[in-house]
N, C-alpha and C. Protein backbone atom coordinates (compact mmCIF):
# COMPACT_ATOMS: atom_id res chain seq x y z
N MET A 1 -6.48 11.54 -9.87
CA MET A 1 -5.79 12.80 -9.96
C MET A 1 -4.30 12.56 -9.76
N ALA A 2 -3.52 13.23 -10.56
CA ALA A 2 -2.07 13.11 -10.47
C ALA A 2 -1.50 14.42 -9.95
N LEU A 3 -0.34 14.32 -9.32
CA LEU A 3 0.35 15.50 -8.80
C LEU A 3 1.49 15.84 -9.77
N TYR A 4 1.41 17.01 -10.36
CA TYR A 4 2.43 17.46 -11.31
C TYR A 4 3.31 18.52 -10.66
N ALA A 5 4.60 18.47 -10.96
CA ALA A 5 5.56 19.41 -10.38
C ALA A 5 5.93 20.47 -11.41
N TYR A 6 5.94 21.71 -10.96
CA TYR A 6 6.36 22.86 -11.77
C TYR A 6 7.39 23.64 -10.98
N ARG A 7 8.18 24.46 -11.67
CA ARG A 7 9.17 25.29 -10.99
C ARG A 7 9.05 26.72 -11.47
N CYS A 8 8.83 27.61 -10.49
CA CYS A 8 8.76 29.04 -10.77
C CYS A 8 10.17 29.61 -10.59
N GLY A 9 10.56 30.55 -11.44
CA GLY A 9 11.89 31.15 -11.35
C GLY A 9 12.09 31.95 -10.08
N GLN A 10 11.02 32.50 -9.51
CA GLN A 10 11.16 33.31 -8.30
C GLN A 10 10.80 32.55 -7.02
N ASP A 11 9.73 31.78 -7.07
CA ASP A 11 9.23 31.14 -5.85
C ASP A 11 9.61 29.68 -5.68
N GLY A 12 10.17 29.05 -6.68
CA GLY A 12 10.60 27.66 -6.54
C GLY A 12 9.52 26.66 -6.95
N PRO A 13 9.48 25.50 -6.28
CA PRO A 13 8.59 24.43 -6.72
C PRO A 13 7.11 24.75 -6.47
N VAL A 14 6.29 24.30 -7.43
CA VAL A 14 4.84 24.46 -7.37
C VAL A 14 4.23 23.11 -7.73
N ASP A 15 3.34 22.59 -6.91
CA ASP A 15 2.66 21.32 -7.19
C ASP A 15 1.22 21.60 -7.58
N VAL A 16 0.77 20.91 -8.64
CA VAL A 16 -0.59 21.09 -9.14
C VAL A 16 -1.22 19.71 -9.32
N ARG A 17 -2.46 19.55 -8.84
CA ARG A 17 -3.21 18.30 -9.04
C ARG A 17 -4.14 18.47 -10.24
N ARG A 18 -4.00 17.55 -11.20
CA ARG A 18 -4.82 17.56 -12.41
C ARG A 18 -5.14 16.12 -12.79
N PRO A 19 -6.17 15.89 -13.59
CA PRO A 19 -6.42 14.55 -14.10
C PRO A 19 -5.22 14.08 -14.93
N ILE A 20 -4.98 12.80 -14.93
CA ILE A 20 -3.82 12.24 -15.64
C ILE A 20 -3.88 12.61 -17.11
N GLY A 21 -2.78 13.12 -17.62
CA GLY A 21 -2.64 13.46 -19.03
C GLY A 21 -3.13 14.84 -19.40
N THR A 22 -3.55 15.65 -18.44
CA THR A 22 -4.09 16.98 -18.78
C THR A 22 -3.19 18.12 -18.30
N ALA A 23 -1.97 17.83 -17.89
CA ALA A 23 -1.08 18.87 -17.36
C ALA A 23 -0.48 19.68 -18.51
N PRO A 24 -0.62 21.02 -18.48
CA PRO A 24 -0.01 21.86 -19.51
C PRO A 24 1.49 22.01 -19.27
N ALA A 25 2.19 22.55 -20.25
CA ALA A 25 3.65 22.73 -20.14
C ALA A 25 4.00 23.82 -19.12
N THR A 26 3.13 24.81 -18.97
CA THR A 26 3.36 25.88 -17.99
C THR A 26 2.06 26.21 -17.28
N VAL A 27 2.19 26.67 -16.04
CA VAL A 27 1.04 27.16 -15.27
C VAL A 27 1.44 28.47 -14.62
N ALA A 28 0.45 29.24 -14.20
CA ALA A 28 0.73 30.48 -13.49
C ALA A 28 1.08 30.15 -12.04
N CYS A 29 2.14 30.76 -11.53
CA CYS A 29 2.55 30.55 -10.15
C CYS A 29 1.48 31.16 -9.24
N PRO A 30 1.02 30.40 -8.23
CA PRO A 30 -0.02 30.94 -7.36
C PRO A 30 0.45 32.11 -6.49
N THR A 31 1.77 32.26 -6.29
CA THR A 31 2.28 33.33 -5.44
C THR A 31 2.53 34.63 -6.21
N CYS A 32 3.31 34.52 -7.31
CA CYS A 32 3.69 35.74 -8.03
C CYS A 32 2.98 35.91 -9.37
N GLY A 33 2.39 34.86 -9.91
CA GLY A 33 1.68 34.96 -11.18
C GLY A 33 2.53 34.72 -12.41
N ASP A 34 3.86 34.57 -12.25
CA ASP A 34 4.73 34.28 -13.40
C ASP A 34 4.48 32.86 -13.89
N GLU A 35 5.02 32.58 -15.08
CA GLU A 35 4.89 31.24 -15.65
C GLU A 35 5.85 30.27 -14.94
N ALA A 36 5.32 29.14 -14.52
CA ALA A 36 6.14 28.07 -13.92
C ALA A 36 6.19 26.92 -14.92
N GLU A 37 7.39 26.46 -15.25
CA GLU A 37 7.55 25.38 -16.23
C GLU A 37 7.45 24.03 -15.54
N ARG A 38 6.93 23.06 -16.30
CA ARG A 38 6.76 21.71 -15.77
C ARG A 38 8.11 21.03 -15.59
N VAL A 39 8.25 20.32 -14.47
CA VAL A 39 9.47 19.58 -14.15
C VAL A 39 9.10 18.10 -14.11
N PHE A 40 9.85 17.26 -14.78
CA PHE A 40 9.57 15.84 -14.77
C PHE A 40 10.33 15.19 -13.63
N THR A 41 9.61 14.47 -12.77
CA THR A 41 10.20 13.83 -11.61
C THR A 41 9.88 12.34 -11.63
N ALA A 42 10.51 11.61 -10.74
CA ALA A 42 10.23 10.17 -10.62
C ALA A 42 8.82 9.98 -10.03
N PRO A 43 8.12 8.95 -10.45
CA PRO A 43 6.78 8.72 -9.90
C PRO A 43 6.85 8.35 -8.43
N MET A 44 5.82 8.71 -7.68
CA MET A 44 5.77 8.42 -6.25
C MET A 44 5.12 7.06 -6.04
N LEU A 45 5.92 6.02 -6.07
CA LEU A 45 5.41 4.66 -5.92
C LEU A 45 5.94 4.03 -4.65
N GLY A 46 5.13 3.29 -3.98
CA GLY A 46 5.57 2.46 -2.85
C GLY A 46 6.06 3.22 -1.64
N PHE A 47 5.29 4.16 -1.13
CA PHE A 47 5.70 4.86 0.07
C PHE A 47 5.27 4.14 1.35
N ALA A 48 4.54 3.04 1.21
CA ALA A 48 4.12 2.28 2.39
C ALA A 48 5.24 1.32 2.80
N ASP A 49 5.20 0.87 4.06
CA ASP A 49 6.21 -0.09 4.50
C ASP A 49 5.94 -1.44 3.84
N ARG A 50 6.95 -2.30 3.80
CA ARG A 50 6.87 -3.57 3.08
C ARG A 50 5.79 -4.49 3.62
N THR A 51 5.57 -4.49 4.93
CA THR A 51 4.56 -5.34 5.52
C THR A 51 3.18 -4.95 5.01
N ARG A 52 2.90 -3.66 4.99
CA ARG A 52 1.59 -3.20 4.52
C ARG A 52 1.42 -3.47 3.03
N VAL A 53 2.45 -3.25 2.23
CA VAL A 53 2.37 -3.51 0.80
C VAL A 53 2.14 -5.00 0.54
N ALA A 54 2.81 -5.87 1.30
CA ALA A 54 2.62 -7.31 1.13
C ALA A 54 1.20 -7.72 1.49
N ALA A 55 0.64 -7.14 2.53
CA ALA A 55 -0.74 -7.45 2.92
C ALA A 55 -1.72 -6.99 1.84
N ILE A 56 -1.49 -5.83 1.27
CA ILE A 56 -2.35 -5.33 0.19
C ILE A 56 -2.24 -6.24 -1.02
N ASP A 57 -1.02 -6.67 -1.36
CA ASP A 57 -0.82 -7.55 -2.51
C ASP A 57 -1.51 -8.89 -2.30
N ARG A 58 -1.42 -9.46 -1.08
CA ARG A 58 -2.10 -10.73 -0.80
C ARG A 58 -3.61 -10.59 -0.89
N ALA A 59 -4.14 -9.50 -0.37
CA ALA A 59 -5.58 -9.27 -0.44
C ALA A 59 -6.04 -9.11 -1.88
N GLU A 60 -5.27 -8.40 -2.67
CA GLU A 60 -5.62 -8.21 -4.07
C GLU A 60 -5.55 -9.52 -4.83
N ALA A 61 -4.53 -10.33 -4.57
CA ALA A 61 -4.40 -11.62 -5.27
C ALA A 61 -5.52 -12.58 -4.86
N SER A 62 -5.98 -12.51 -3.61
CA SER A 62 -7.02 -13.43 -3.18
C SER A 62 -8.35 -13.15 -3.87
N ARG A 63 -8.51 -11.98 -4.42
CA ARG A 63 -9.75 -11.66 -5.11
C ARG A 63 -9.86 -12.42 -6.42
N THR A 64 -8.76 -12.56 -7.14
CA THR A 64 -8.79 -13.22 -8.45
C THR A 64 -8.15 -14.60 -8.44
N GLU A 65 -7.26 -14.87 -7.50
CA GLU A 65 -6.56 -16.15 -7.43
C GLU A 65 -6.59 -16.68 -6.00
N PRO A 66 -7.77 -17.11 -5.51
CA PRO A 66 -7.82 -17.56 -4.12
C PRO A 66 -7.05 -18.87 -3.94
N THR A 67 -6.49 -19.05 -2.76
CA THR A 67 -5.80 -20.30 -2.47
C THR A 67 -6.83 -21.37 -2.20
N VAL A 68 -6.60 -22.56 -2.74
CA VAL A 68 -7.54 -23.67 -2.61
C VAL A 68 -6.88 -24.74 -1.76
N VAL A 69 -7.61 -25.23 -0.78
CA VAL A 69 -7.11 -26.28 0.10
C VAL A 69 -7.88 -27.55 -0.23
N SER A 70 -7.17 -28.64 -0.52
CA SER A 70 -7.83 -29.89 -0.87
C SER A 70 -7.92 -30.84 0.31
N ALA A 71 -7.16 -30.59 1.38
CA ALA A 71 -7.18 -31.46 2.55
C ALA A 71 -6.75 -30.64 3.77
N PRO A 72 -7.16 -31.12 4.96
CA PRO A 72 -6.69 -30.41 6.16
C PRO A 72 -5.19 -30.58 6.32
N PRO A 73 -4.54 -29.69 7.03
CA PRO A 73 -3.09 -29.80 7.20
C PRO A 73 -2.74 -31.05 7.99
N SER A 74 -1.56 -31.59 7.72
CA SER A 74 -1.12 -32.79 8.43
C SER A 74 -0.78 -32.44 9.87
N ARG A 75 -0.63 -33.45 10.69
CA ARG A 75 -0.31 -33.22 12.11
C ARG A 75 1.03 -32.50 12.27
N ALA A 76 1.95 -32.74 11.36
CA ALA A 76 3.27 -32.11 11.47
C ALA A 76 3.19 -30.60 11.30
N THR A 77 2.24 -30.12 10.49
CA THR A 77 2.15 -28.68 10.24
C THR A 77 1.18 -27.98 11.17
N ARG A 78 0.38 -28.71 11.91
CA ARG A 78 -0.56 -28.10 12.84
C ARG A 78 0.17 -27.52 14.04
N ALA A 79 -0.39 -26.50 14.60
CA ALA A 79 0.20 -25.89 15.80
C ALA A 79 -0.02 -26.82 16.99
N PRO A 80 0.96 -26.97 17.86
CA PRO A 80 0.79 -27.86 19.02
C PRO A 80 -0.26 -27.30 19.97
N ARG A 81 -0.97 -28.20 20.60
CA ARG A 81 -1.97 -27.77 21.56
C ARG A 81 -1.27 -27.25 22.81
N PRO A 82 -1.81 -26.22 23.40
CA PRO A 82 -1.20 -25.72 24.63
C PRO A 82 -1.41 -26.71 25.78
N ALA A 83 -0.45 -26.79 26.66
CA ALA A 83 -0.55 -27.69 27.80
C ALA A 83 -1.63 -27.17 28.74
N PRO A 84 -2.41 -28.08 29.34
CA PRO A 84 -3.42 -27.61 30.29
C PRO A 84 -2.76 -26.95 31.48
N LEU A 85 -3.44 -25.97 32.02
CA LEU A 85 -2.89 -25.24 33.14
C LEU A 85 -2.89 -26.08 34.43
N ASP A 86 -3.88 -26.92 34.58
CA ASP A 86 -4.01 -27.73 35.79
C ASP A 86 -4.04 -29.20 35.37
N PRO A 87 -3.15 -30.07 35.85
CA PRO A 87 -3.13 -31.47 35.43
C PRO A 87 -4.43 -32.20 35.78
N ARG A 88 -5.19 -31.73 36.75
CA ARG A 88 -6.45 -32.39 37.10
C ARG A 88 -7.52 -32.21 36.03
N THR A 89 -7.36 -31.18 35.15
CA THR A 89 -8.34 -30.95 34.10
C THR A 89 -7.95 -31.63 32.79
N ALA A 90 -6.86 -32.36 32.75
CA ALA A 90 -6.39 -32.99 31.51
C ALA A 90 -7.39 -34.03 31.00
N GLY A 91 -8.13 -34.69 31.86
CA GLY A 91 -9.07 -35.72 31.43
C GLY A 91 -10.44 -35.20 31.07
N LEU A 92 -10.68 -33.95 31.21
CA LEU A 92 -12.00 -33.39 30.89
C LEU A 92 -12.20 -33.32 29.37
N PRO A 93 -13.47 -33.46 28.93
CA PRO A 93 -13.71 -33.41 27.47
C PRO A 93 -13.42 -32.01 26.91
N ARG A 94 -12.95 -32.01 25.69
CA ARG A 94 -12.60 -30.75 24.99
C ARG A 94 -13.75 -30.33 24.10
N PRO A 95 -13.94 -29.06 23.91
CA PRO A 95 -15.01 -28.60 22.99
C PRO A 95 -14.64 -28.83 21.55
């Protein structure tokens, strides 16, 4: 469903939801009943913040173009291990 904008001469802007491509040139104003003419406006694209849009784009791309890893990351790119809290536990086996 698309949101189409109309303007009534007495009541001002009127928004109407219709299936895409089915909006008539005029509609009856819901307040006064006069004819409201269609107004062409910019499309409402990208109202989400950039972080959310980037996450949606990555998720969408992973569906058709997943990233492929051929080898584990090198030691230089791995995150450093956290230091043990107690030096006496440094020699204990790790899981």
